[in-house]
Amino acid sequence: MALMTKSAVLHNGQSDVSYDTIETKLPFRKYPGDRFTHSDLGLNVADIGDIYRNMLLQRRFEERSAQMYGRQKIGGFLHLYIGQEAISTGSVYALKPGLDSVITAYRDHGIALALGMSSNECMAELFGRKDGCSKGKGGSMHFFSREKGMFGGHGIVGAHIPVAAGIAFAHRYKNDGGVCVCYLGDGAVWQGSFHETLNLASLYQLPVIYVIENNQYAMGTAVDRAAAETDLFKQATSYKMPGSLVDGMDVFSVCQAMRDHVALARKGQPSLVEIRTYRYRGHSMSDPGKYRTKEELEAKKNEDPILRLKSYIIEHQLITNEALDVLDVEVKAEVAASVTFADESPLPPLEAIYEDVYTQKDFPFLKI
């Protein structure tokens, strides 16, 4: 950052007054699409196959979830991740499984699957069944897995942002080398918790990366109607953090960006990443999405992150088209089996309502 001063003259209608001005140059890193290759990232053919399968699993899982919601197998809210799969998958390839932590908002299915949570436990949770990842008591917005470092799924906009700072503080306090990645939507940037927490994270030098999944709409409000400054990564300036802008429709760009920012976090430098993406479905299942045109949606579908990766794979002759089709069949079968598993899983027993709430085991002050 370079600072300069110079003399300026302001005309107030009465007299000329001379002031000094400060000019500040602030660098931000940009990760455009189609810039990085799998070789740049040190990924082999097996890695590419895993990445493609992971993204495809998220897509097929979400498509089947939408079907089950329509059949009233899933209650409450359902926020789909379709279109944003490059963010979750690219991020995971920058983390250390079992060490690092992840926390997100209510659009959490994709990140859960990317971390390795099973289709069975995730679908069972959507069905509200005992074998779900949160024992059927969390539902769509509250996926958790201690083993995978998944700390939720949180339904209140911006409420999880301070929790991420707490998780990062725990990593620092334990000196275990772990970092926390916190995902939030573009609408959450305008919550007070976002600004308060980023300030604290910078003061404490916490190992945390805040990732804005900018899918262009906060519920039904376009970014340019809600933000005076639409370059959300520039919010990092106020909190003395590095900030970056990433093409969220390119999994390699996401992976490279997240590797760089995770490396900063391991050194005690928090940062902010804006990843621009697009959701192809409404905010939730009750949203018809009439606030955007069909032409806009169709144009964005040409940037589909899964089709983009598939084209890359075919172009570079990494995996045959026939093998990718077989992979799709396998993924569809896995998701279909998860529906059967969820349907056959029992409902949580009534007494489970008090489990994982109080530390005292006998609950003498409660009656069922």
Protein backbone atom coordinates (compact mmCIF):
# COMPACT_ATOMS: atom_id res chain seq x y z
CA MET A 1 0.00 0.00 0.00
CA ALA A 2 1.47 3.33 -1.09
CA LEU A 3 0.53 6.61 0.58
CA MET A 4 1.00 10.04 -0.97
CA THR A 5 -0.04 13.54 0.00
CA LYS A 6 -0.60 16.56 -2.21
CA SER A 7 -2.26 19.94 -1.99
CA ALA A 8 -5.86 20.37 -3.11
CA VAL A 9 -8.04 23.47 -3.40
CA LEU A 10 -11.74 23.31 -2.54
CA HIS A 11 -14.16 26.04 -3.65
CA ASN A 12 -16.83 26.77 -1.05
CA GLY A 13 -18.36 29.75 -2.79
CA GLN A 14 -16.76 32.17 -0.33
CA SER A 15 -13.05 31.54 -0.35
CA ASP A 16 -10.47 28.95 -1.38
CA VAL A 17 -9.28 26.59 1.37
CA SER A 18 -6.23 24.40 0.94
CA TYR A 19 -6.25 20.78 2.17
CA ASP A 20 -3.95 17.79 2.03
CA THR A 21 -5.26 14.63 0.40
CA ILE A 22 -4.24 11.01 0.92
CA GLU A 23 -4.04 8.66 -2.04
CA THR A 24 -3.99 4.96 -1.22
CA LYS A 25 -3.18 2.10 -3.54
CA LEU A 26 -4.51 -1.24 -2.36
CA PRO A 27 -3.54 -4.49 -4.12
CA PHE A 28 -6.03 -7.35 -4.42
CA ARG A 29 -5.32 -10.72 -5.95
CA LYS A 30 -7.55 -11.97 -8.77
CA TYR A 31 -8.06 -15.60 -9.78
CA PRO A 32 -9.78 -15.60 -13.19
CA GLY A 33 -11.29 -18.65 -14.86
CA ASP A 34 -9.28 -20.75 -17.31
CA ARG A 35 -6.01 -19.46 -15.86
CA PHE A 36 -4.90 -22.57 -13.96
CA THR A 37 -4.48 -26.16 -15.14
CA HIS A 38 -4.53 -29.39 -13.19
CA SER A 39 -0.76 -29.60 -13.72
CA ASP A 40 -0.31 -26.17 -12.15
CA LEU A 41 -2.09 -27.49 -9.07
CA GLY A 42 -0.16 -30.78 -9.00
CA LEU A 43 -3.31 -32.82 -9.61
CA ASN A 44 -3.13 -36.18 -11.37
CA VAL A 45 -5.79 -37.97 -13.40
CA ALA A 46 -7.14 -39.78 -10.33
CA ASP A 47 -7.52 -36.44 -8.54
CA ILE A 48 -9.42 -34.99 -11.49
CA GLY A 49 -11.74 -38.01 -11.49
CA ASP A 50 -12.40 -37.56 -7.77
CA ILE A 51 -13.07 -33.84 -8.19
CA TYR A 52 -15.48 -34.42 -11.05
CA ARG A 53 -17.28 -37.18 -9.15
CA ASN A 54 -17.53 -35.01 -6.04
CA MET A 55 -19.10 -32.14 -7.95
CA LEU A 56 -21.43 -34.48 -9.81
CA LEU A 57 -22.51 -36.14 -6.56
CA GLN A 58 -23.52 -32.77 -5.13
CA ARG A 59 -25.54 -31.95 -8.25
CA ARG A 60 -27.37 -35.28 -8.38
CA PHE A 61 -27.98 -35.24 -4.63
CA GLU A 62 -29.55 -31.80 -4.84
CA GLU A 63 -31.69 -32.74 -7.85
CA ARG A 64 -33.02 -35.78 -6.02
CA SER A 65 -33.56 -33.72 -2.87
CA ALA A 66 -35.76 -31.35 -4.86
CA GLN A 67 -37.81 -34.34 -6.05
CA MET A 68 -38.20 -35.64 -2.51
CA TYR A 69 -39.26 -32.21 -1.30
CA GLY A 70 -41.98 -32.21 -3.94
CA ARG A 71 -43.14 -35.59 -2.65
CA GLN A 72 -43.28 -34.18 0.89
CA LYS A 73 -40.55 -36.49 2.13
CA ILE A 74 -38.59 -33.43 3.28
CA GLY A 75 -40.14 -30.76 5.49
CA GLY A 76 -39.17 -27.23 6.38
CA PHE A 77 -36.81 -25.23 4.20
CA LEU A 78 -34.58 -26.60 1.46
CA HIS A 79 -31.84 -24.40 -0.04
CA LEU A 80 -30.12 -26.01 -3.02
CA TYR A 81 -26.46 -25.58 -3.94
CA ILE A 82 -26.85 -26.25 -7.67
CA GLY A 83 -24.36 -24.14 -9.61
CA GLN A 84 -21.95 -23.54 -6.74
CA GLU A 85 -20.23 -26.95 -6.63
CA ALA A 86 -16.81 -25.66 -7.73
CA ILE A 87 -16.53 -23.66 -4.50
CA SER A 88 -17.08 -26.53 -2.11
CA THR A 89 -14.97 -29.03 -4.04
CA GLY A 90 -12.14 -26.64 -4.87
CA SER A 91 -11.93 -25.59 -1.23
CA VAL A 92 -11.69 -29.12 0.12
CA TYR A 93 -8.65 -29.81 -2.05
CA ALA A 94 -6.90 -26.97 -0.23
CA LEU A 95 -7.58 -28.29 3.28
CA LYS A 96 -6.18 -30.98 5.57
CA PRO A 97 -8.99 -33.43 6.37
CA GLY A 98 -9.32 -34.18 10.06
CA LEU A 99 -7.38 -31.07 11.06
CA ASP A 100 -9.07 -28.06 9.47
CA SER A 101 -12.59 -26.85 10.23
CA VAL A 102 -15.43 -25.62 8.05
CA ILE A 103 -18.58 -23.70 8.95
CA THR A 104 -21.27 -22.33 6.67
CA ALA A 105 -24.78 -20.92 6.45
CA TYR A 106 -27.98 -22.74 5.50
CA ARG A 107 -26.94 -23.78 1.95
CA ASP A 108 -24.78 -26.53 3.37
CA HIS A 109 -25.45 -29.82 1.52
CA GLY A 110 -22.74 -29.33 -1.11
CA ILE A 111 -19.98 -28.53 1.36
CA ALA A 112 -20.98 -31.48 3.55
CA LEU A 113 -20.72 -33.90 0.63
CA ALA A 114 -17.46 -32.30 -0.54
CA LEU A 115 -15.95 -32.96 2.88
CA GLY A 116 -16.79 -36.64 2.56
CA MET A 117 -20.01 -36.92 4.53
CA SER A 118 -22.02 -39.80 3.08
CA SER A 119 -25.07 -39.49 0.88
CA ASN A 120 -26.92 -41.77 3.29
CA GLU A 121 -26.39 -39.67 6.41
CA CYS A 122 -27.14 -36.46 4.52
CA MET A 123 -30.35 -37.68 2.90
CA ALA A 124 -31.51 -39.24 6.17
CA GLU A 125 -31.02 -35.86 7.85
CA LEU A 126 -33.18 -34.20 5.19
CA PHE A 127 -35.84 -36.82 5.91
CA GLY A 128 -35.59 -36.10 9.66
CA ARG A 129 -34.48 -39.64 10.48
CA LYS A 130 -32.40 -41.10 13.28
CA ASP A 131 -29.51 -42.11 11.00
CA GLY A 132 -29.03 -38.56 9.77
CA CYS A 133 -25.81 -36.68 10.40
CA SER A 134 -27.57 -34.64 13.12
CA LYS A 135 -29.72 -37.57 14.24
CA GLY A 136 -32.68 -36.23 12.29
CA LYS A 137 -33.08 -33.19 14.53
CA GLY A 138 -31.29 -30.59 12.42
CA GLY A 139 -32.69 -30.99 8.95
CA SER A 140 -31.50 -29.26 5.80
CA MET A 141 -29.87 -26.23 7.43
CA HIS A 142 -27.97 -28.04 10.18
CA PHE A 143 -25.55 -30.62 8.81
CA PHE A 144 -22.76 -31.45 11.27
CA SER A 145 -19.87 -33.88 11.43
CA ARG A 146 -17.16 -33.70 14.07
CA GLU A 147 -15.11 -36.31 12.21
CA LYS A 148 -15.10 -34.29 8.98
CA GLY A 149 -14.61 -30.94 10.71
CA MET A 150 -18.05 -29.75 9.59
CA PHE A 151 -19.41 -27.34 12.22
CA GLY A 152 -22.73 -26.59 10.48
CA GLY A 153 -25.11 -25.43 8.71
CA HIS A 154 -26.60 -22.37 10.43
CA GLY A 155 -29.98 -20.91 9.59
CA ILE A 156 -29.67 -17.36 10.94
CA VAL A 157 -28.01 -15.03 8.45
CA GLY A 158 -24.58 -14.01 9.71
CA ALA A 159 -24.91 -15.75 13.07
CA HIS A 160 -22.21 -18.32 12.30
CA ILE A 161 -19.59 -15.73 11.37
CA PRO A 162 -18.50 -15.05 15.00
CA VAL A 163 -18.58 -18.81 15.67
CA ALA A 164 -15.95 -19.24 12.96
CA ALA A 165 -13.70 -16.82 14.81
CA GLY A 166 -14.18 -18.91 17.95
CA ILE A 167 -13.24 -22.09 16.11
CA ALA A 168 -10.17 -20.37 14.67
CA PHE A 169 -9.24 -19.13 18.13
CA ALA A 170 -9.45 -22.73 19.37
CA HIS A 171 -7.03 -23.84 16.65
CA ARG A 172 -4.65 -21.08 17.66
CA TYR A 173 -5.04 -21.79 21.38
CA LYS A 174 -4.32 -25.50 20.86
CA ASN A 175 -1.50 -24.66 18.46
CA ASP A 176 -2.58 -27.59 16.29
CA GLY A 177 -1.89 -25.92 12.94
CA GLY A 178 -5.51 -26.05 11.85
CA VAL A 179 -7.49 -23.32 10.13
CA CYS A 180 -11.18 -22.50 9.87
CA VAL A 181 -12.96 -21.69 6.60
CA CYS A 182 -16.19 -19.77 6.99
CA TYR A 183 -18.60 -19.54 4.05
CA LEU A 184 -21.27 -16.85 3.91
CA GLY A 185 -23.58 -15.42 1.30
CA ASP A 186 -23.33 -11.97 -0.25
CA GLY A 187 -26.34 -10.82 1.79
CA ALA A 188 -24.59 -11.62 5.07
CA VAL A 189 -21.89 -9.03 4.36
CA TRP A 190 -24.25 -6.33 5.60
CA GLN A 191 -24.83 -7.92 8.98
CA GLY A 192 -23.07 -6.28 11.91
CA SER A 193 -21.65 -9.63 12.95
CA PHE A 194 -19.58 -9.74 9.75
CA HIS A 195 -17.82 -6.44 10.43
CA GLU A 196 -17.38 -6.95 14.15
CA THR A 197 -15.91 -10.40 13.62
CA LEU A 198 -13.52 -9.49 10.83
CA ASN A 199 -12.16 -6.71 12.99
CA LEU A 200 -11.64 -9.10 15.89
CA ALA A 201 -10.11 -11.79 13.66
CA SER A 202 -7.55 -9.30 12.41
CA LEU A 203 -6.75 -7.99 15.89
CA TYR A 204 -6.23 -11.52 17.21
CA GLN A 205 -4.50 -12.76 14.03
CA LEU A 206 -6.79 -15.75 13.84
CA PRO A 207 -6.24 -18.61 11.35
CA VAL A 208 -9.51 -18.05 9.49
CA ILE A 209 -10.58 -17.49 5.89
CA TYR A 210 -13.92 -15.79 5.28
CA VAL A 211 -15.35 -16.83 1.93
CA ILE A 212 -18.20 -14.84 0.41
CA GLU A 213 -20.13 -17.12 -1.93
CA ASN A 214 -21.48 -14.33 -4.09
CA ASN A 215 -24.22 -16.04 -6.09
CA GLN A 216 -25.51 -12.64 -7.23
CA TYR A 217 -28.74 -12.63 -5.21
CA ALA A 218 -29.47 -12.29 -1.48
CA MET A 219 -32.78 -14.11 -1.53
CA GLY A 220 -34.39 -12.10 -4.36
CA THR A 221 -32.29 -8.94 -4.17
CA ALA A 222 -29.49 -8.47 -6.70
CA VAL A 223 -26.12 -7.43 -5.32
CA ASP A 224 -26.13 -4.09 -7.14
CA ARG A 225 -29.43 -3.20 -5.45
CA ALA A 226 -28.12 -3.96 -1.96
CA ALA A 227 -24.45 -2.98 -2.04
CA ALA A 228 -23.12 0.53 -2.60
CA GLU A 229 -19.77 -1.15 -3.29
CA THR A 230 -20.38 -4.31 -5.31
CA ASP A 231 -16.76 -5.46 -5.12
CA LEU A 232 -17.30 -7.26 -1.84
CA PHE A 233 -13.67 -8.36 -1.53
CA LYS A 234 -12.77 -4.72 -0.86
CA GLN A 235 -14.35 -5.06 2.59
CA ALA A 236 -11.02 -6.61 3.60
CA THR A 237 -9.43 -3.16 3.49
CA SER A 238 -11.15 -1.92 6.64
CA TYR A 239 -9.80 -4.84 8.65
CA LYS A 240 -6.20 -4.89 7.37
CA MET A 241 -6.68 -8.23 5.63
CA PRO A 242 -5.66 -9.54 2.22
CA GLY A 243 -8.63 -9.77 -0.13
CA SER A 244 -9.12 -11.71 -3.35
CA LEU A 245 -11.64 -12.13 -6.16
CA VAL A 246 -12.18 -15.60 -7.62
CA ASP A 247 -14.10 -17.06 -10.54
CA GLY A 248 -16.35 -19.51 -8.72
CA MET A 249 -17.36 -21.36 -11.88
CA ASP A 250 -13.82 -22.74 -12.32
CA VAL A 251 -12.83 -25.37 -9.76
CA PHE A 252 -9.10 -24.93 -10.46
CA SER A 253 -9.25 -21.19 -9.80
CA VAL A 254 -11.05 -21.83 -6.51
CA CYS A 255 -8.54 -24.47 -5.49
CA GLN A 256 -5.54 -22.23 -6.19
CA ALA A 257 -7.09 -19.28 -4.38
CA MET A 258 -8.00 -21.33 -1.34
CA ARG A 259 -4.55 -22.90 -1.17
CA ASP A 260 -3.01 -19.45 -1.10
CA HIS A 261 -5.36 -18.15 1.57
CA VAL A 262 -5.11 -21.29 3.71
CA ALA A 263 -1.33 -20.86 3.67
CA LEU A 264 -1.81 -17.31 4.96
CA ALA A 265 -4.15 -18.54 7.70
CA ARG A 266 -1.62 -21.12 8.89
CA LYS A 267 0.77 -18.21 9.43
CA GLY A 268 -1.82 -16.35 11.51
CA GLN A 269 -3.07 -14.06 8.76
CA PRO A 270 -6.88 -13.97 8.37
CA SER A 271 -8.25 -13.03 4.96
CA LEU A 272 -11.35 -12.43 2.89
CA VAL A 273 -12.18 -14.14 -0.40
CA GLU A 274 -15.06 -13.20 -2.67
CA ILE A 275 -15.95 -16.10 -4.98
CA ARG A 276 -18.40 -15.11 -7.68
CA THR A 277 -20.74 -17.88 -8.62
CA TYR A 278 -24.39 -18.37 -9.60
CA ARG A 279 -27.22 -20.46 -8.21
CA TYR A 280 -29.45 -21.99 -10.84
CA ARG A 281 -32.41 -22.58 -8.55
CA GLY A 282 -34.38 -20.18 -6.39
CA HIS A 283 -33.25 -19.08 -2.97
CA SER A 284 -35.25 -21.96 -1.52
CA MET A 285 -37.84 -24.37 -2.87
CA SER A 286 -40.61 -21.79 -2.38
CA ASP A 287 -38.84 -19.22 -4.57
CA PRO A 288 -39.88 -19.14 -8.27
CA GLY A 289 -36.97 -16.81 -9.06
CA LYS A 290 -39.01 -14.30 -11.08
CA TYR A 291 -36.59 -11.51 -10.20
CA ARG A 292 -34.23 -12.65 -12.98
CA THR A 293 -34.84 -13.17 -16.68
CA LYS A 294 -34.79 -16.45 -18.54
CA GLU A 295 -32.08 -15.02 -20.77
CA GLU A 296 -29.84 -14.31 -17.78
CA LEU A 297 -30.33 -17.80 -16.42
CA GLU A 298 -29.64 -19.49 -19.74
CA ALA A 299 -26.51 -17.41 -20.28
CA LYS A 300 -25.21 -18.38 -16.84
CA LYS A 301 -25.86 -22.06 -17.54
CA ASN A 302 -23.21 -21.83 -20.25
CA GLU A 303 -20.74 -21.31 -17.40
CA ASP A 304 -21.87 -24.43 -15.49
CA PRO A 305 -18.86 -25.51 -13.39
CA ILE A 306 -19.47 -29.22 -13.94
CA LEU A 307 -19.83 -28.92 -17.71
CA ARG A 308 -16.79 -26.64 -17.71
CA LEU A 309 -14.69 -29.28 -15.95
CA LYS A 310 -16.06 -32.01 -18.20
CA SER A 311 -15.02 -30.05 -21.30
CA TYR A 312 -11.56 -29.57 -19.81
CA ILE A 313 -11.25 -33.30 -19.11
CA ILE A 314 -12.26 -34.26 -22.65
CA GLU A 315 -10.12 -31.58 -24.26
CA HIS A 316 -7.02 -32.71 -22.37
CA GLN A 317 -7.87 -36.40 -22.92
CA LEU A 318 -7.69 -37.17 -19.21
CA ILE A 319 -10.78 -39.38 -19.01
CA THR A 320 -12.97 -40.62 -21.84
CA ASN A 321 -16.51 -39.37 -22.28
CA GLU A 322 -17.74 -42.96 -21.91
CA ALA A 323 -16.00 -43.29 -18.53
CA LEU A 324 -17.58 -40.04 -17.37
CA ASP A 325 -21.01 -41.35 -18.39
CA VAL A 326 -20.40 -44.49 -16.35
CA LEU A 327 -19.42 -42.32 -13.41
CA ASP A 328 -22.69 -40.42 -13.72
CA VAL A 329 -24.65 -43.68 -13.63
CA GLU A 330 -22.78 -44.73 -10.48
CA VAL A 331 -23.47 -41.41 -8.79
CA LYS A 332 -27.16 -41.53 -9.64
CA ALA A 333 -27.33 -45.05 -8.19
CA GLU A 334 -25.63 -43.87 -4.98
CA VAL A 335 -28.10 -41.03 -4.56
CA ALA A 336 -31.07 -43.29 -5.30
CA ALA A 337 -29.81 -45.72 -2.67
CA SER A 338 -29.56 -42.87 -0.16
CA VAL A 339 -33.26 -42.17 -0.65
CA THR A 340 -34.08 -45.80 0.13
CA PHE A 341 -31.80 -45.66 3.16
CA ALA A 342 -33.47 -42.51 4.43
CA ASP A 343 -36.94 -43.88 3.86
CA GLU A 344 -36.14 -47.00 5.87
CA SER A 345 -34.35 -45.19 8.68
CA PRO A 346 -36.47 -44.83 11.85
CA LEU A 347 -37.66 -41.53 13.23
CA PRO A 348 -35.80 -40.24 16.31
CA PRO A 349 -37.39 -41.48 19.56
CA LEU A 350 -39.29 -38.90 21.59
CA GLU A 351 -36.76 -38.94 24.43
CA ALA A 352 -34.04 -37.84 21.96
CA ILE A 353 -35.45 -34.32 22.18
CA TYR A 354 -33.34 -33.77 25.32
CA GLU A 355 -30.16 -35.39 24.03
CA ASP A 356 -27.17 -33.17 23.28
CA VAL A 357 -28.82 -30.25 25.08
CA TYR A 358 -27.83 -30.56 28.74
CA THR A 359 -24.61 -31.95 30.16
CA GLN A 360 -26.46 -33.50 33.09
CA LYS A 361 -27.43 -37.04 32.15
CA ASP A 362 -30.52 -37.74 34.27
CA PHE A 363 -32.46 -34.50 33.67
CA PRO A 364 -34.24 -34.63 37.08
CA PHE A 365 -35.94 -31.33 36.38
CA LEU A 366 -37.51 -32.46 33.12
CA LYS A 367 -40.44 -34.72 32.41
CA ILE A 368 -41.50 -36.27 29.15
